[in-house]
Amino acid sequence: MKLKQTIYILISTLLLLCHSSFTWAASAPITIEADHMTSLEADSNVLFSGNVDASQADVRIRADKMTVFYTAASKGKKQEVERLRCEGNVEITKGEWLGTGKTMNYLSKERKVILSGGAKAWQDTNLVTGNTIIYYLDEGRSEVIGGKPSTTVDPQTGKQQSGRVRATLTPQ
């Protein structure tokens, strides 16, 4: 029974993302692979670790570690996914769109994806970078946030590199 709950939670997480403006194909099979899975019922989460690779239709999430956080079961109330956290070498793709970062959080109530830690997003040959990229699923809009000024010095100018948002747009 506990394995069925774990599988239900995982599928529910991915199905929550299906209703987004990413328009995942809800009827497409969901495939999740990892080197290891641990269900931590006392903490209401499931941890996948080691080369995590989750996909459905043309959406794919890869990371070193993925944790699914869900509400505890109670009488008359079904378990629901609260959030999803991916860590280490995070990559999310949908068609020609690619987002990367050190971490990714999906918040189900707010319906948003947050890529953090040197976040980058590509659409075709266009690139935007910042400390954090927030994608609002229902609105189809994104927000890119720069970071604090870096202590790194630009070798060409000798100036301190900024933590500003940077976009590189390639004319077609």
N, C-alpha and C. Protein backbone atom coordinates (compact mmCIF):
# COMPACT_ATOMS: atom_id res chain seq x y z
N MET A 1 0.83 -1.19 0.00
CA MET A 1 0.00 0.00 0.00
C MET A 1 0.87 1.26 0.00
N LYS A 2 1.97 1.23 0.72
CA LYS A 2 2.82 2.41 0.80
C LYS A 2 3.48 2.70 -0.55
N LEU A 3 3.84 1.65 -1.29
CA LEU A 3 4.41 1.86 -2.62
C LEU A 3 3.37 2.47 -3.55
N LYS A 4 2.11 2.04 -3.45
CA LYS A 4 1.05 2.63 -4.26
C LYS A 4 0.88 4.11 -3.94
N GLN A 5 0.97 4.49 -2.66
CA GLN A 5 0.86 5.90 -2.28
C GLN A 5 2.03 6.69 -2.86
N THR A 6 3.23 6.13 -2.81
CA THR A 6 4.40 6.79 -3.35
C THR A 6 4.25 7.02 -4.84
N ILE A 7 3.80 6.01 -5.56
CA ILE A 7 3.61 6.14 -7.00
C ILE A 7 2.52 7.17 -7.28
N TYR A 8 1.41 7.13 -6.51
CA TYR A 8 0.33 8.10 -6.68
C TYR A 8 0.84 9.53 -6.49
N ILE A 9 1.66 9.74 -5.48
CA ILE A 9 2.20 11.08 -5.19
C ILE A 9 3.07 11.56 -6.34
N LEU A 10 3.91 10.68 -6.85
CA LEU A 10 4.79 11.05 -7.95
C LEU A 10 3.99 11.39 -9.20
N ILE A 11 3.04 10.56 -9.55
CA ILE A 11 2.22 10.82 -10.73
C ILE A 11 1.41 12.10 -10.54
N SER A 12 0.89 12.31 -9.32
CA SER A 12 0.13 13.54 -9.05
C SER A 12 0.99 14.77 -9.26
N THR A 13 2.25 14.71 -8.84
CA THR A 13 3.16 15.83 -9.02
C THR A 13 3.30 16.16 -10.49
N LEU A 14 3.56 15.17 -11.29
CA LEU A 14 3.75 15.42 -12.70
C LEU A 14 2.45 15.85 -13.38
N LEU A 15 1.33 15.31 -12.94
CA LEU A 15 0.05 15.72 -13.52
C LEU A 15 -0.29 17.16 -13.17
N LEU A 16 0.11 17.63 -11.97
CA LEU A 16 -0.11 19.03 -11.62
C LEU A 16 0.58 19.94 -12.63
N LEU A 17 1.76 19.53 -13.03
CA LEU A 17 2.48 20.32 -14.02
C LEU A 17 1.83 20.22 -15.39
N CYS A 18 1.08 19.12 -15.64
CA CYS A 18 0.44 18.93 -16.94
C CYS A 18 -0.57 20.01 -17.25
N HIS A 19 -1.21 20.58 -16.26
CA HIS A 19 -2.25 21.57 -16.49
C HIS A 19 -1.69 22.97 -16.71
N SER A 20 -0.40 23.08 -16.77
CA SER A 20 0.24 24.38 -16.92
C SER A 20 0.21 24.83 -18.37
N SER A 21 0.73 26.03 -18.59
CA SER A 21 0.81 26.52 -19.95
C SER A 21 1.89 25.77 -20.73
N PHE A 22 2.67 24.93 -20.05
CA PHE A 22 3.59 24.06 -20.77
C PHE A 22 2.79 23.07 -21.62
N THR A 23 1.53 22.84 -21.25
CA THR A 23 0.61 21.95 -21.93
C THR A 23 1.22 20.57 -22.13
N TRP A 24 1.59 19.97 -21.05
CA TRP A 24 2.06 18.60 -21.11
C TRP A 24 0.90 17.73 -21.55
N ALA A 25 1.16 16.72 -22.31
CA ALA A 25 0.11 15.81 -22.78
C ALA A 25 -0.28 14.89 -21.64
N ALA A 26 -1.43 15.15 -21.02
CA ALA A 26 -1.86 14.42 -19.83
C ALA A 26 -2.01 12.93 -20.08
N SER A 27 -2.32 12.53 -21.30
CA SER A 27 -2.51 11.12 -21.57
C SER A 27 -1.20 10.40 -21.91
N ALA A 28 -0.13 11.14 -22.10
CA ALA A 28 1.16 10.53 -22.41
C ALA A 28 1.73 9.82 -21.19
N PRO A 29 2.43 8.72 -21.41
CA PRO A 29 3.01 8.01 -20.26
C PRO A 29 4.09 8.85 -19.58
N ILE A 30 4.19 8.68 -18.27
CA ILE A 30 5.20 9.37 -17.46
C ILE A 30 6.30 8.37 -17.16
N THR A 31 7.53 8.77 -17.42
CA THR A 31 8.67 7.90 -17.15
C THR A 31 9.60 8.60 -16.16
N ILE A 32 9.95 7.89 -15.08
CA ILE A 32 10.87 8.44 -14.09
C ILE A 32 11.94 7.40 -13.82
N GLU A 33 13.17 7.83 -13.92
CA GLU A 33 14.28 6.95 -13.63
C GLU A 33 15.22 7.65 -12.66
N ALA A 34 15.79 6.87 -11.75
CA ALA A 34 16.79 7.38 -10.80
C ALA A 34 17.58 6.18 -10.31
N ASP A 35 18.73 6.46 -9.71
CA ASP A 35 19.53 5.38 -9.15
C ASP A 35 18.92 4.84 -7.87
N HIS A 36 18.15 5.70 -7.16
CA HIS A 36 17.62 5.31 -5.86
C HIS A 36 16.35 6.09 -5.54
N MET A 37 15.40 5.45 -4.83
CA MET A 37 14.19 6.13 -4.37
C MET A 37 13.97 5.77 -2.91
N THR A 38 13.65 6.79 -2.09
CA THR A 38 13.36 6.59 -0.68
C THR A 38 12.06 7.30 -0.34
N SER A 39 11.11 6.55 0.23
CA SER A 39 9.86 7.14 0.68
C SER A 39 10.00 7.46 2.17
N LEU A 40 9.83 8.72 2.53
CA LEU A 40 9.97 9.17 3.91
C LEU A 40 8.60 9.61 4.41
N GLU A 41 7.76 8.64 4.75
CA GLU A 41 6.38 8.93 5.12
C GLU A 41 6.26 9.84 6.33
N ALA A 42 7.13 9.70 7.32
CA ALA A 42 7.07 10.55 8.51
C ALA A 42 7.27 12.01 8.15
N ASP A 43 8.04 12.26 7.11
CA ASP A 43 8.30 13.63 6.66
C ASP A 43 7.42 14.02 5.47
N SER A 44 6.54 13.13 5.06
CA SER A 44 5.64 13.35 3.91
C SER A 44 6.38 13.75 2.65
N ASN A 45 7.42 12.97 2.31
CA ASN A 45 8.10 13.22 1.06
C ASN A 45 8.71 11.95 0.48
N VAL A 46 9.02 12.02 -0.80
CA VAL A 46 9.67 10.95 -1.52
C VAL A 46 10.91 11.54 -2.17
N LEU A 47 12.05 10.87 -1.99
CA LEU A 47 13.32 11.36 -2.51
C LEU A 47 13.81 10.42 -3.61
N PHE A 48 14.09 11.01 -4.78
CA PHE A 48 14.74 10.29 -5.87
C PHE A 48 16.15 10.85 -5.97
N SER A 49 17.15 9.99 -6.08
CA SER A 49 18.51 10.50 -6.15
C SER A 49 19.33 9.72 -7.17
N GLY A 50 20.34 10.39 -7.68
CA GLY A 50 21.24 9.80 -8.65
C GLY A 50 20.69 9.78 -10.05
N ASN A 51 21.15 10.69 -10.87
CA ASN A 51 20.76 10.73 -12.29
C ASN A 51 19.25 10.68 -12.49
N VAL A 52 18.53 11.55 -11.81
CA VAL A 52 17.07 11.58 -11.91
C VAL A 52 16.69 12.10 -13.30
N ASP A 53 15.77 11.40 -13.92
CA ASP A 53 15.32 11.74 -15.27
C ASP A 53 13.82 11.48 -15.33
N ALA A 54 13.03 12.55 -15.38
CA ALA A 54 11.57 12.43 -15.44
C ALA A 54 11.09 13.05 -16.74
N SER A 55 10.17 12.36 -17.43
CA SER A 55 9.69 12.92 -18.69
C SER A 55 8.25 12.53 -18.94
N GLN A 56 7.59 13.40 -19.68
CA GLN A 56 6.23 13.16 -20.16
C GLN A 56 6.08 13.97 -21.44
N ALA A 57 5.72 13.28 -22.52
CA ALA A 57 5.62 13.91 -23.83
C ALA A 57 6.93 14.65 -24.13
N ASP A 58 6.88 15.95 -24.44
CA ASP A 58 8.12 16.66 -24.79
C ASP A 58 8.69 17.47 -23.62
N VAL A 59 8.25 17.18 -22.39
CA VAL A 59 8.80 17.84 -21.20
C VAL A 59 9.72 16.86 -20.48
N ARG A 60 10.88 17.36 -20.08
CA ARG A 60 11.86 16.51 -19.41
C ARG A 60 12.52 17.28 -18.28
N ILE A 61 12.64 16.66 -17.12
CA ILE A 61 13.35 17.24 -15.98
C ILE A 61 14.47 16.29 -15.61
N ARG A 62 15.68 16.83 -15.51
CA ARG A 62 16.83 16.04 -15.08
C ARG A 62 17.50 16.77 -13.92
N ALA A 63 17.98 15.99 -12.96
CA ALA A 63 18.65 16.57 -11.80
C ALA A 63 19.41 15.47 -11.07
N ASP A 64 20.27 15.88 -10.14
CA ASP A 64 20.96 14.91 -9.30
C ASP A 64 20.01 14.33 -8.25
N LYS A 65 19.07 15.19 -7.80
CA LYS A 65 18.16 14.78 -6.73
C LYS A 65 16.81 15.47 -6.92
N MET A 66 15.72 14.74 -6.67
CA MET A 66 14.37 15.29 -6.76
C MET A 66 13.59 14.84 -5.52
N THR A 67 13.00 15.81 -4.82
CA THR A 67 12.19 15.49 -3.65
C THR A 67 10.76 15.97 -3.90
N VAL A 68 9.81 15.08 -3.66
CA VAL A 68 8.39 15.40 -3.80
C VAL A 68 7.83 15.55 -2.39
N PHE A 69 7.32 16.74 -2.05
CA PHE A 69 6.73 17.01 -0.74
C PHE A 69 5.21 16.99 -0.89
N TYR A 70 4.52 16.27 0.01
CA TYR A 70 3.08 16.16 -0.08
C TYR A 70 2.43 16.32 1.28
N THR A 71 1.13 16.59 1.28
CA THR A 71 0.39 16.73 2.53
C THR A 71 0.20 15.34 3.15
N ALA A 72 0.15 15.28 4.45
CA ALA A 72 -0.07 14.02 5.14
C ALA A 72 -1.51 13.57 4.92
N ALA A 73 -1.69 12.27 4.83
CA ALA A 73 -3.04 11.74 4.65
C ALA A 73 -3.85 11.93 5.92
N SER A 74 -5.11 12.29 5.75
CA SER A 74 -6.01 12.41 6.88
C SER A 74 -7.37 11.90 6.47
N LYS A 75 -8.18 11.58 7.42
CA LYS A 75 -9.49 10.99 7.14
C LYS A 75 -10.33 11.95 6.27
N GLY A 76 -10.81 11.43 5.17
CA GLY A 76 -11.65 12.22 4.29
C GLY A 76 -10.89 13.18 3.39
N LYS A 77 -9.58 13.23 3.48
CA LYS A 77 -8.78 14.14 2.68
C LYS A 77 -7.68 13.35 1.98
N LYS A 78 -7.59 13.51 0.67
CA LYS A 78 -6.54 12.80 -0.04
C LYS A 78 -5.22 13.57 0.03
N GLN A 79 -4.14 12.85 -0.17
CA GLN A 79 -2.84 13.48 -0.17
C GLN A 79 -2.67 14.33 -1.43
N GLU A 80 -2.04 15.46 -1.28
CA GLU A 80 -1.78 16.34 -2.41
C GLU A 80 -0.33 16.79 -2.39
N VAL A 81 0.20 16.99 -3.55
CA VAL A 81 1.57 17.46 -3.67
C VAL A 81 1.61 18.95 -3.33
N GLU A 82 2.51 19.32 -2.42
CA GLU A 82 2.69 20.73 -2.05
C GLU A 82 3.75 21.39 -2.91
N ARG A 83 4.86 20.66 -3.09
CA ARG A 83 5.95 21.23 -3.87
C ARG A 83 6.89 20.14 -4.34
N LEU A 84 7.72 20.50 -5.27
CA LEU A 84 8.73 19.62 -5.84
C LEU A 84 10.04 20.39 -5.79
N ARG A 85 11.11 19.74 -5.33
CA ARG A 85 12.42 20.40 -5.28
C ARG A 85 13.44 19.51 -5.98
N CYS A 86 14.15 20.11 -6.93
CA CYS A 86 15.23 19.42 -7.63
C CYS A 86 16.53 20.13 -7.30
N GLU A 87 17.58 19.34 -7.12
CA GLU A 87 18.88 19.91 -6.76
C GLU A 87 19.99 19.29 -7.59
N GLY A 88 20.97 20.11 -7.92
CA GLY A 88 22.16 19.64 -8.62
C GLY A 88 21.96 19.42 -10.10
N ASN A 89 22.63 20.22 -10.90
CA ASN A 89 22.60 20.07 -12.36
C ASN A 89 21.17 19.97 -12.91
N VAL A 90 20.32 20.88 -12.47
CA VAL A 90 18.91 20.85 -12.86
C VAL A 90 18.75 21.34 -14.30
N GLU A 91 17.94 20.60 -15.04
CA GLU A 91 17.65 20.96 -16.43
C GLU A 91 16.19 20.61 -16.69
N ILE A 92 15.44 21.57 -17.20
CA ILE A 92 14.06 21.32 -17.59
C ILE A 92 13.91 21.77 -19.04
N THR A 93 13.35 20.90 -19.85
CA THR A 93 13.17 21.22 -21.27
C THR A 93 11.72 20.99 -21.67
N LYS A 94 11.28 21.80 -22.62
CA LYS A 94 9.95 21.65 -23.22
C LYS A 94 10.09 22.14 -24.65
N GLY A 95 10.07 21.20 -25.57
CA GLY A 95 10.28 21.59 -26.96
C GLY A 95 11.63 22.26 -27.14
N GLU A 96 11.61 23.49 -27.67
CA GLU A 96 12.85 24.24 -27.90
C GLU A 96 13.28 25.07 -26.70
N TRP A 97 12.47 25.07 -25.62
CA TRP A 97 12.79 25.85 -24.42
C TRP A 97 13.61 25.00 -23.48
N LEU A 98 14.67 25.57 -22.91
CA LEU A 98 15.55 24.89 -21.96
C LEU A 98 15.85 25.82 -20.81
N GLY A 99 15.66 25.34 -19.58
CA GLY A 99 16.01 26.10 -18.38
C GLY A 99 16.95 25.28 -17.52
N THR A 100 17.98 25.94 -16.95
CA THR A 100 18.94 25.25 -16.09
C THR A 100 19.20 26.07 -14.84
N GLY A 101 19.70 25.41 -13.81
CA GLY A 101 20.08 26.07 -12.57
C GLY A 101 20.61 25.05 -11.59
N LYS A 102 21.05 25.54 -10.44
CA LYS A 102 21.52 24.63 -9.39
C LYS A 102 20.35 23.97 -8.69
N THR A 103 19.23 24.71 -8.57
CA THR A 103 18.03 24.16 -7.93
C THR A 103 16.79 24.56 -8.70
N MET A 104 15.72 23.77 -8.53
CA MET A 104 14.43 24.11 -9.10
C MET A 104 13.37 23.77 -8.07
N ASN A 105 12.45 24.70 -7.82
CA ASN A 105 11.31 24.47 -6.95
C ASN A 105 10.05 24.66 -7.76
N TYR A 106 9.11 23.73 -7.58
CA TYR A 106 7.79 23.88 -8.18
C TYR A 106 6.82 24.02 -7.02
N LEU A 107 6.09 25.13 -6.96
CA LEU A 107 5.13 25.39 -5.90
C LEU A 107 3.73 25.21 -6.47
N SER A 108 3.03 24.17 -6.01
CA SER A 108 1.77 23.80 -6.65
C SER A 108 0.66 24.83 -6.44
N LYS A 109 0.53 25.41 -5.25
CA LYS A 109 -0.54 26.39 -5.02
C LYS A 109 -0.32 27.66 -5.83
N GLU A 110 0.92 28.11 -5.91
CA GLU A 110 1.24 29.33 -6.67
C GLU A 110 1.39 29.03 -8.16
N ARG A 111 1.51 27.73 -8.50
CA ARG A 111 1.65 27.29 -9.89
C ARG A 111 2.83 27.97 -10.57
N LYS A 112 3.99 27.87 -9.90
CA LYS A 112 5.17 28.47 -10.51
C LYS A 112 6.40 27.58 -10.32
N VAL A 113 7.31 27.73 -11.27
CA VAL A 113 8.60 27.04 -11.25
C VAL A 113 9.66 28.09 -10.98
N ILE A 114 10.59 27.77 -10.06
CA ILE A 114 11.65 28.71 -9.71
C ILE A 114 12.99 28.02 -9.93
N LEU A 115 13.75 28.51 -10.90
CA LEU A 115 15.11 28.03 -11.14
C LEU A 115 16.06 28.99 -10.45
N SER A 116 17.01 28.48 -9.65
CA SER A 116 17.92 29.35 -8.90
C SER A 116 19.36 28.87 -9.05
N GLY A 117 20.25 29.80 -8.73
CA GLY A 117 21.68 29.47 -8.75
C GLY A 117 22.23 29.49 -10.16
N GLY A 118 22.53 30.66 -10.65
CA GLY A 118 23.06 30.78 -12.01
C GLY A 118 22.06 30.29 -13.04
N ALA A 119 20.81 30.69 -12.89
CA ALA A 119 19.74 30.22 -13.77
C ALA A 119 19.91 30.75 -15.18
N LYS A 120 19.61 29.88 -16.14
CA LYS A 120 19.69 30.24 -17.56
C LYS A 120 18.48 29.65 -18.26
N ALA A 121 17.98 30.37 -19.26
CA ALA A 121 16.89 29.86 -20.09
C ALA A 121 17.17 30.20 -21.54
N TRP A 122 17.00 29.20 -22.39
CA TRP A 122 17.19 29.37 -23.83
C TRP A 122 15.87 29.13 -24.54
N GLN A 123 15.59 29.95 -25.52
CA GLN A 123 14.49 29.72 -26.47
C GLN A 123 15.13 29.86 -27.82
N ASP A 124 15.19 28.76 -28.56
CA ASP A 124 15.95 28.73 -29.81
C ASP A 124 17.38 29.15 -29.50
N THR A 125 17.87 30.23 -30.13
CA THR A 125 19.24 30.69 -29.89
C THR A 125 19.31 31.87 -28.92
N ASN A 126 18.15 32.30 -28.40
CA ASN A 126 18.11 33.40 -27.46
C ASN A 126 18.37 32.88 -26.05
N LEU A 127 19.09 33.67 -25.26
CA LEU A 127 19.50 33.26 -23.91
C LEU A 127 19.24 34.39 -22.93
N VAL A 128 18.73 34.04 -21.74
CA VAL A 128 18.61 34.99 -20.64
C VAL A 128 19.21 34.33 -19.41
N THR A 129 19.99 35.11 -18.64
CA THR A 129 20.62 34.59 -17.43
C THR A 129 20.36 35.51 -16.26
N GLY A 130 20.39 34.95 -15.08
CA GLY A 130 20.21 35.70 -13.84
C GLY A 130 20.40 34.77 -12.68
N ASN A 131 20.29 35.28 -11.49
CA ASN A 131 20.41 34.42 -10.33
C ASN A 131 19.19 33.51 -10.21
N THR A 132 18.00 34.05 -10.54
CA THR A 132 16.76 33.30 -10.40
C THR A 132 15.84 33.57 -11.59
N ILE A 133 15.22 32.51 -12.10
CA ILE A 133 14.20 32.64 -13.14
C ILE A 133 12.92 32.03 -12.57
N ILE A 134 11.85 32.83 -12.58
CA ILE A 134 10.55 32.38 -12.08
C ILE A 134 9.62 32.29 -13.28
N TYR A 135 8.98 31.13 -13.43
CA TYR A 135 8.04 30.94 -14.53
C TYR A 135 6.67 30.71 -13.94
N TYR A 136 5.73 31.60 -14.26
CA TYR A 136 4.34 31.51 -13.78
C TYR A 136 3.54 30.70 -14.78
N LEU A 137 3.21 29.48 -14.42
CA LEU A 137 2.64 28.54 -15.36
C LEU A 137 1.31 28.99 -15.96
N ASP A 138 0.38 29.45 -15.13
CA ASP A 138 -0.94 29.81 -15.64
C ASP A 138 -0.94 31.09 -16.45
N GLU A 139 0.02 31.96 -16.19
CA GLU A 139 0.08 33.25 -16.88
C GLU A 139 0.97 33.21 -18.11
N GLY A 140 1.82 32.19 -18.21
CA GLY A 140 2.73 32.11 -19.34
C GLY A 140 3.74 33.24 -19.36
N ARG A 141 4.14 33.70 -18.18
CA ARG A 141 5.12 34.78 -18.12
C ARG A 141 6.28 34.37 -17.22
N SER A 142 7.41 35.02 -17.42
CA SER A 142 8.57 34.73 -16.60
C SER A 142 9.18 36.01 -16.07
N GLU A 143 9.94 35.86 -15.03
CA GLU A 143 10.62 36.96 -14.37
C GLU A 143 12.05 36.51 -14.12
N VAL A 144 13.01 37.36 -14.43
CA VAL A 144 14.41 37.03 -14.22
C VAL A 144 14.98 38.03 -13.23
N ILE A 145 15.64 37.52 -12.20
CA ILE A 145 16.16 38.35 -11.12
C ILE A 145 17.68 38.21 -11.09
N GLY A 146 18.37 39.35 -11.10
CA GLY A 146 19.82 39.34 -10.98
C GLY A 146 20.20 39.08 -9.54
N GLY A 147 21.47 39.03 -9.29
CA GLY A 147 21.93 38.78 -7.92
C GLY A 147 22.75 39.94 -7.41
N LYS A 148 23.32 39.74 -6.26
CA LYS A 148 24.21 40.75 -5.68
C LYS A 148 25.45 40.85 -6.55
N PRO A 149 26.12 42.00 -6.54
CA PRO A 149 27.35 42.12 -7.33
C PRO A 149 28.34 41.03 -6.95
N SER A 150 29.01 40.51 -7.95
CA SER A 150 29.95 39.43 -7.78
C SER A 150 31.29 39.95 -7.27
N THR A 151 32.04 39.09 -6.64
CA THR A 151 33.41 39.44 -6.23
C THR A 151 34.38 39.11 -7.35
N THR A 152 33.87 38.56 -8.45
CA THR A 152 34.69 38.21 -9.59
C THR A 152 35.00 39.46 -10.40
N VAL A 153 36.24 39.56 -10.86
CA VAL A 153 36.66 40.70 -11.67
C VAL A 153 36.69 40.27 -13.12
N ASP A 154 36.09 41.11 -14.00
CA ASP A 154 36.08 40.84 -15.43
C ASP A 154 37.51 40.99 -15.94
N PRO A 155 38.08 39.93 -16.54
CA PRO A 155 39.47 40.01 -16.98
C PRO A 155 39.72 41.03 -18.09
N GLN A 156 38.70 41.36 -18.88
CA GLN A 156 38.87 42.33 -19.97
C GLN A 156 38.83 43.76 -19.48
N THR A 157 37.93 44.07 -18.54
CA THR A 157 37.76 45.46 -18.09
C THR A 157 38.42 45.73 -16.75
N GLY A 158 38.69 44.68 -15.97
CA GLY A 158 39.26 44.86 -14.65
C GLY A 158 38.23 45.33 -13.62
N LYS A 159 36.96 45.41 -14.03
CA LYS A 159 35.90 45.85 -13.14
C LYS A 159 35.20 44.64 -12.50
N GLN A 160 34.58 44.90 -11.36
CA GLN A 160 33.81 43.88 -10.67
C GLN A 160 32.60 43.51 -11.53
N GLN A 161 32.38 42.20 -11.72
CA GLN A 161 31.24 41.77 -12.52
C GLN A 161 29.96 41.95 -11.72
N SER A 162 28.92 42.37 -12.43
CA SER A 162 27.66 42.63 -11.74
C SER A 162 26.81 41.37 -11.70
N GLY A 163 25.81 41.38 -10.84
CA GLY A 163 24.86 40.29 -10.75
C GLY A 163 23.59 40.65 -11.49
N ARG A 164 23.73 41.39 -12.55
CA ARG A 164 22.57 41.86 -13.31
C ARG A 164 22.03 40.76 -14.21
N VAL A 165 20.81 40.95 -14.66
CA VAL A 165 20.19 40.07 -15.65
C VAL A 165 20.86 40.33 -16.98
N ARG A 166 21.07 39.28 -17.75
CA ARG A 166 21.70 39.44 -19.06
C ARG A 166 20.90 38.65 -20.08
N ALA A 167 20.60 39.28 -21.21
CA ALA A 167 19.89 38.62 -22.30
C ALA A 167 20.72 38.74 -23.56
N THR A 168 20.79 37.66 -24.31
CA THR A 168 21.46 37.66 -25.61
C THR A 168 20.42 37.21 -26.63
N LEU A 169 20.04 38.12 -27.51
CA LEU A 169 19.01 37.85 -28.50
C LEU A 169 19.66 37.76 -29.87
N THR A 170 19.34 36.72 -30.59
CA THR A 170 19.93 36.49 -31.91
C THR A 170 18.88 36.77 -32.98
N PRO A 171 19.08 37.82 -33.80
CA PRO A 171 18.12 38.11 -34.87
C PRO A 171 18.05 36.94 -35.85
N GLN A 172 16.86 36.70 -36.36
CA GLN A 172 16.66 35.59 -37.32
C GLN A 172 16.83 36.07 -38.72
